[in-house]
Amino acid sequence: MLANAFVDNAKVMAKGQITIPKDVRDVLGVSNGDRVTFIVEGNTVRIVNSAVYAMQVLQQEMAGEAERTGLTSEDDVMALVKKLRNEDEKA
């Protein structure tokens, strides 16, 4: 097992609900009202912070897009933003 790994458990209640143990909530960075995502791979389930997971998926989908469009520096991005803002003001 990994050095930073730990094991915790929770009881499944009548409606299928569980309470995520505090140490697990702390690791996930979730609190009251936050959402979690269940990722099922075979007979293994990972629980992740939904907001963090969504950002990771977006980053993976966008990887390399800037370079493919010719945006290779921060100056390129700023020039594009200025151009788009000028077009919006003219419309």
N, C-alpha and C. Protein backbone atom coordinates (compact mmCIF):
# COMPACT_ATOMS: atom_id res chain seq x y z
N MET A 1 0.83 -1.18 0.00
CA MET A 1 0.00 0.00 0.00
C MET A 1 0.88 1.25 0.00
N LEU A 2 0.37 2.34 -0.54
CA LEU A 2 1.12 3.58 -0.60
C LEU A 2 1.33 4.16 0.79
N ALA A 3 2.40 4.92 0.95
CA ALA A 3 2.74 5.50 2.25
C ALA A 3 1.67 6.47 2.74
N ASN A 4 1.03 7.22 1.84
CA ASN A 4 0.03 8.20 2.27
C ASN A 4 -1.40 7.64 2.20
N ALA A 5 -1.53 6.34 2.00
CA ALA A 5 -2.85 5.71 1.91
C ALA A 5 -3.34 5.33 3.30
N PHE A 6 -4.65 5.30 3.48
CA PHE A 6 -5.23 4.81 4.72
C PHE A 6 -6.55 4.13 4.39
N VAL A 7 -7.07 3.39 5.32
CA VAL A 7 -8.32 2.65 5.14
C VAL A 7 -9.32 3.18 6.14
N ASP A 8 -10.52 3.42 5.68
CA ASP A 8 -11.61 3.82 6.57
C ASP A 8 -12.86 3.11 6.06
N ASN A 9 -13.91 3.10 6.84
CA ASN A 9 -15.13 2.43 6.38
C ASN A 9 -16.35 3.18 6.88
N ALA A 10 -17.49 2.85 6.27
CA ALA A 10 -18.76 3.46 6.65
C ALA A 10 -19.85 2.43 6.46
N LYS A 11 -20.88 2.53 7.25
CA LYS A 11 -22.01 1.62 7.19
C LYS A 11 -23.02 2.12 6.16
N VAL A 12 -23.53 1.21 5.33
CA VAL A 12 -24.57 1.55 4.36
C VAL A 12 -25.91 1.48 5.08
N MET A 13 -26.67 2.56 5.02
CA MET A 13 -27.96 2.63 5.69
C MET A 13 -29.06 2.10 4.78
N ALA A 14 -30.29 2.06 5.28
CA ALA A 14 -31.41 1.44 4.59
C ALA A 14 -31.64 2.00 3.18
N LYS A 15 -31.47 3.29 2.99
CA LYS A 15 -31.70 3.91 1.68
C LYS A 15 -30.44 3.96 0.82
N GLY A 16 -29.39 3.22 1.22
CA GLY A 16 -28.15 3.20 0.46
C GLY A 16 -27.24 4.36 0.78
N GLN A 17 -27.56 5.14 1.79
CA GLN A 17 -26.76 6.30 2.16
C GLN A 17 -25.62 5.90 3.08
N ILE A 18 -24.52 6.64 2.96
CA ILE A 18 -23.39 6.47 3.87
C ILE A 18 -22.94 7.85 4.33
N THR A 19 -22.25 7.89 5.43
CA THR A 19 -21.59 9.11 5.88
C THR A 19 -20.12 8.97 5.52
N ILE A 20 -19.61 9.91 4.75
CA ILE A 20 -18.19 9.87 4.40
C ILE A 20 -17.41 10.25 5.64
N PRO A 21 -16.50 9.40 6.08
CA PRO A 21 -15.73 9.71 7.29
C PRO A 21 -14.99 11.05 7.17
N LYS A 22 -14.85 11.74 8.31
CA LYS A 22 -14.24 13.07 8.33
C LYS A 22 -12.86 13.09 7.70
N ASP A 23 -12.01 12.10 8.00
CA ASP A 23 -10.66 12.12 7.43
C ASP A 23 -10.69 11.98 5.92
N VAL A 24 -11.68 11.27 5.39
CA VAL A 24 -11.82 11.14 3.93
C VAL A 24 -12.34 12.46 3.36
N ARG A 25 -13.32 13.08 4.01
CA ARG A 25 -13.81 14.40 3.55
C ARG A 25 -12.69 15.42 3.53
N ASP A 26 -11.84 15.38 4.55
CA ASP A 26 -10.70 16.31 4.61
C ASP A 26 -9.77 16.11 3.42
N VAL A 27 -9.46 14.85 3.11
CA VAL A 27 -8.56 14.57 1.98
C VAL A 27 -9.19 15.03 0.66
N LEU A 28 -10.50 14.80 0.51
CA LEU A 28 -11.19 15.20 -0.71
C LEU A 28 -11.44 16.70 -0.78
N GLY A 29 -11.38 17.37 0.36
CA GLY A 29 -11.67 18.79 0.38
C GLY A 29 -13.14 19.09 0.19
N VAL A 30 -14.01 18.23 0.72
CA VAL A 30 -15.45 18.44 0.59
C VAL A 30 -16.07 18.71 1.95
N SER A 31 -17.15 19.47 1.93
CA SER A 31 -17.88 19.77 3.15
C SER A 31 -19.37 19.79 2.83
N ASN A 32 -20.16 20.18 3.79
CA ASN A 32 -21.60 20.19 3.65
C ASN A 32 -22.05 20.88 2.36
N GLY A 33 -22.86 20.19 1.58
CA GLY A 33 -23.39 20.75 0.34
C GLY A 33 -22.54 20.50 -0.89
N ASP A 34 -21.29 20.10 -0.72
CA ASP A 34 -20.43 19.79 -1.87
C ASP A 34 -20.88 18.48 -2.51
N ARG A 35 -20.44 18.26 -3.72
CA ARG A 35 -20.78 17.03 -4.44
C ARG A 35 -19.54 16.17 -4.60
N VAL A 36 -19.76 14.86 -4.63
CA VAL A 36 -18.69 13.92 -4.92
C VAL A 36 -19.08 13.10 -6.13
N THR A 37 -18.09 12.60 -6.83
CA THR A 37 -18.29 11.76 -8.01
C THR A 37 -17.78 10.37 -7.71
N PHE A 38 -18.56 9.36 -8.10
CA PHE A 38 -18.16 7.97 -7.94
C PHE A 38 -17.67 7.47 -9.29
N ILE A 39 -16.44 7.00 -9.35
CA ILE A 39 -15.86 6.46 -10.57
C ILE A 39 -15.72 4.96 -10.37
N VAL A 40 -16.47 4.18 -11.15
CA VAL A 40 -16.48 2.73 -11.00
C VAL A 40 -15.61 2.12 -12.09
N GLU A 41 -14.61 1.36 -11.67
CA GLU A 41 -13.70 0.67 -12.59
C GLU A 41 -13.64 -0.79 -12.15
N GLY A 42 -14.39 -1.64 -12.87
CA GLY A 42 -14.46 -3.04 -12.45
C GLY A 42 -15.18 -3.12 -11.12
N ASN A 43 -14.52 -3.76 -10.14
CA ASN A 43 -15.14 -3.87 -8.82
C ASN A 43 -14.55 -2.87 -7.82
N THR A 44 -13.92 -1.82 -8.35
CA THR A 44 -13.32 -0.78 -7.53
C THR A 44 -14.05 0.53 -7.76
N VAL A 45 -14.28 1.27 -6.68
CA VAL A 45 -14.94 2.57 -6.78
C VAL A 45 -14.03 3.63 -6.17
N ARG A 46 -13.83 4.71 -6.92
CA ARG A 46 -13.09 5.86 -6.40
C ARG A 46 -14.10 6.97 -6.14
N ILE A 47 -13.93 7.66 -5.03
CA ILE A 47 -14.77 8.83 -4.72
C ILE A 47 -13.87 10.05 -4.83
N VAL A 48 -14.30 11.01 -5.65
CA VAL A 48 -13.50 12.21 -5.86
C VAL A 48 -14.38 13.45 -5.69
N ASN A 49 -13.76 14.55 -5.38
CA ASN A 49 -14.42 15.84 -5.30
C ASN A 49 -14.91 16.19 -6.71
N SER A 50 -16.22 16.39 -6.87
CA SER A 50 -16.79 16.63 -8.21
C SER A 50 -16.21 17.85 -8.90
N ALA A 51 -16.00 18.94 -8.15
CA ALA A 51 -15.47 20.16 -8.76
C ALA A 51 -14.05 19.95 -9.25
N VAL A 52 -13.24 19.27 -8.45
CA VAL A 52 -11.85 19.00 -8.85
C VAL A 52 -11.84 18.06 -10.05
N TYR A 53 -12.69 17.04 -10.03
CA TYR A 53 -12.76 16.08 -11.13
C TYR A 53 -13.18 16.77 -12.43
N ALA A 54 -14.18 17.63 -12.36
CA ALA A 54 -14.63 18.35 -13.56
C ALA A 54 -13.52 19.20 -14.14
N MET A 55 -12.75 19.86 -13.28
CA MET A 55 -11.64 20.69 -13.76
C MET A 55 -10.56 19.82 -14.40
N GLN A 56 -10.28 18.67 -13.82
CA GLN A 56 -9.27 17.77 -14.39
C GLN A 56 -9.70 17.26 -15.76
N VAL A 57 -10.98 16.92 -15.90
CA VAL A 57 -11.50 16.46 -17.19
C VAL A 57 -11.39 17.57 -18.23
N LEU A 58 -11.77 18.78 -17.85
CA LEU A 58 -11.68 19.92 -18.76
C LEU A 58 -10.23 20.17 -19.17
N GLN A 59 -9.32 20.12 -18.22
CA GLN A 59 -7.90 20.32 -18.54
C GLN A 59 -7.40 19.26 -19.51
N GLN A 60 -7.82 18.02 -19.32
CA GLN A 60 -7.40 16.95 -20.24
C GLN A 60 -7.96 17.19 -21.64
N GLU A 61 -9.23 17.61 -21.71
CA GLU A 61 -9.85 17.86 -23.01
C GLU A 61 -9.22 19.05 -23.72
N MET A 62 -8.76 20.04 -22.97
CA MET A 62 -8.19 21.24 -23.56
C MET A 62 -6.68 21.16 -23.78
N ALA A 63 -6.06 20.10 -23.30
CA ALA A 63 -4.60 19.97 -23.41
C ALA A 63 -4.17 20.09 -24.87
N GLY A 64 -3.27 21.00 -25.13
CA GLY A 64 -2.71 21.17 -26.46
C GLY A 64 -3.51 22.07 -27.39
N GLU A 65 -4.70 22.50 -26.98
CA GLU A 65 -5.55 23.31 -27.85
C GLU A 65 -4.91 24.67 -28.15
N ALA A 66 -4.30 25.28 -27.18
CA ALA A 66 -3.69 26.59 -27.40
C ALA A 66 -2.60 26.49 -28.47
N GLU A 67 -1.75 25.48 -28.35
CA GLU A 67 -0.68 25.31 -29.33
C GLU A 67 -1.24 25.02 -30.71
N ARG A 68 -2.31 24.23 -30.78
CA ARG A 68 -2.91 23.90 -32.08
C ARG A 68 -3.49 25.13 -32.77
N THR A 69 -3.89 26.13 -31.98
CA THR A 69 -4.46 27.34 -32.57
C THR A 69 -3.42 28.44 -32.75
N GLY A 70 -2.17 28.13 -32.41
CA GLY A 70 -1.10 29.09 -32.61
C GLY A 70 -0.83 29.99 -31.42
N LEU A 71 -1.46 29.73 -30.30
CA LEU A 71 -1.23 30.53 -29.10
C LEU A 71 -0.10 29.88 -28.32
N THR A 72 1.09 30.41 -28.48
CA THR A 72 2.27 29.77 -27.87
C THR A 72 2.85 30.55 -26.70
N SER A 73 2.30 31.74 -26.43
CA SER A 73 2.81 32.52 -25.30
C SER A 73 1.66 33.29 -24.67
N GLU A 74 1.94 33.83 -23.51
CA GLU A 74 0.94 34.64 -22.82
C GLU A 74 0.63 35.89 -23.63
N ASP A 75 1.63 36.43 -24.34
CA ASP A 75 1.41 37.60 -25.19
C ASP A 75 0.43 37.27 -26.31
N ASP A 76 0.53 36.07 -26.88
CA ASP A 76 -0.41 35.64 -27.93
C ASP A 76 -1.84 35.62 -27.39
N VAL A 77 -2.00 35.09 -26.19
CA VAL A 77 -3.32 35.01 -25.57
C VAL A 77 -3.87 36.40 -25.31
N MET A 78 -3.04 37.29 -24.77
CA MET A 78 -3.49 38.65 -24.48
C MET A 78 -3.88 39.38 -25.77
N ALA A 79 -3.14 39.17 -26.83
CA ALA A 79 -3.46 39.80 -28.11
C ALA A 79 -4.82 39.31 -28.62
N LEU A 80 -5.08 38.02 -28.47
CA LEU A 80 -6.36 37.46 -28.90
C LEU A 80 -7.50 38.05 -28.06
N VAL A 81 -7.31 38.14 -26.77
CA VAL A 81 -8.34 38.70 -25.89
C VAL A 81 -8.64 40.14 -26.28
N LYS A 82 -7.62 40.93 -26.51
CA LYS A 82 -7.82 42.33 -26.90
C LYS A 82 -8.57 42.42 -28.22
N LYS A 83 -8.20 41.56 -29.16
CA LYS A 83 -8.87 41.55 -30.46
C LYS A 83 -10.35 41.21 -30.29
N LEU A 84 -10.64 40.20 -29.51
CA LEU A 84 -12.03 39.80 -29.30
C LEU A 84 -12.83 40.88 -28.58
N ARG A 85 -12.21 41.53 -27.61
CA ARG A 85 -12.90 42.60 -26.90
C ARG A 85 -13.21 43.77 -27.82
N ASN A 86 -12.29 44.11 -28.72
CA ASN A 86 -12.54 45.19 -29.68
C ASN A 86 -13.68 44.83 -30.62
N GLU A 87 -13.74 43.56 -31.04
CA GLU A 87 -14.83 43.13 -31.92
C GLU A 87 -16.17 43.20 -31.20
N ASP A 88 -16.19 42.85 -29.91
CA ASP A 88 -17.43 42.92 -29.14
C ASP A 88 -17.91 44.36 -28.99
N GLU A 89 -16.98 45.30 -28.82
CA GLU A 89 -17.36 46.69 -28.65
C GLU A 89 -17.93 47.26 -29.95
N LYS A 90 -17.47 46.78 -31.11
CA LYS A 90 -17.94 47.26 -32.40
C LYS A 90 -19.33 46.70 -32.73
N ALA A 91 -19.67 45.55 -32.18
CA ALA A 91 -20.95 44.90 -32.51
C ALA A 91 -22.14 45.53 -31.83
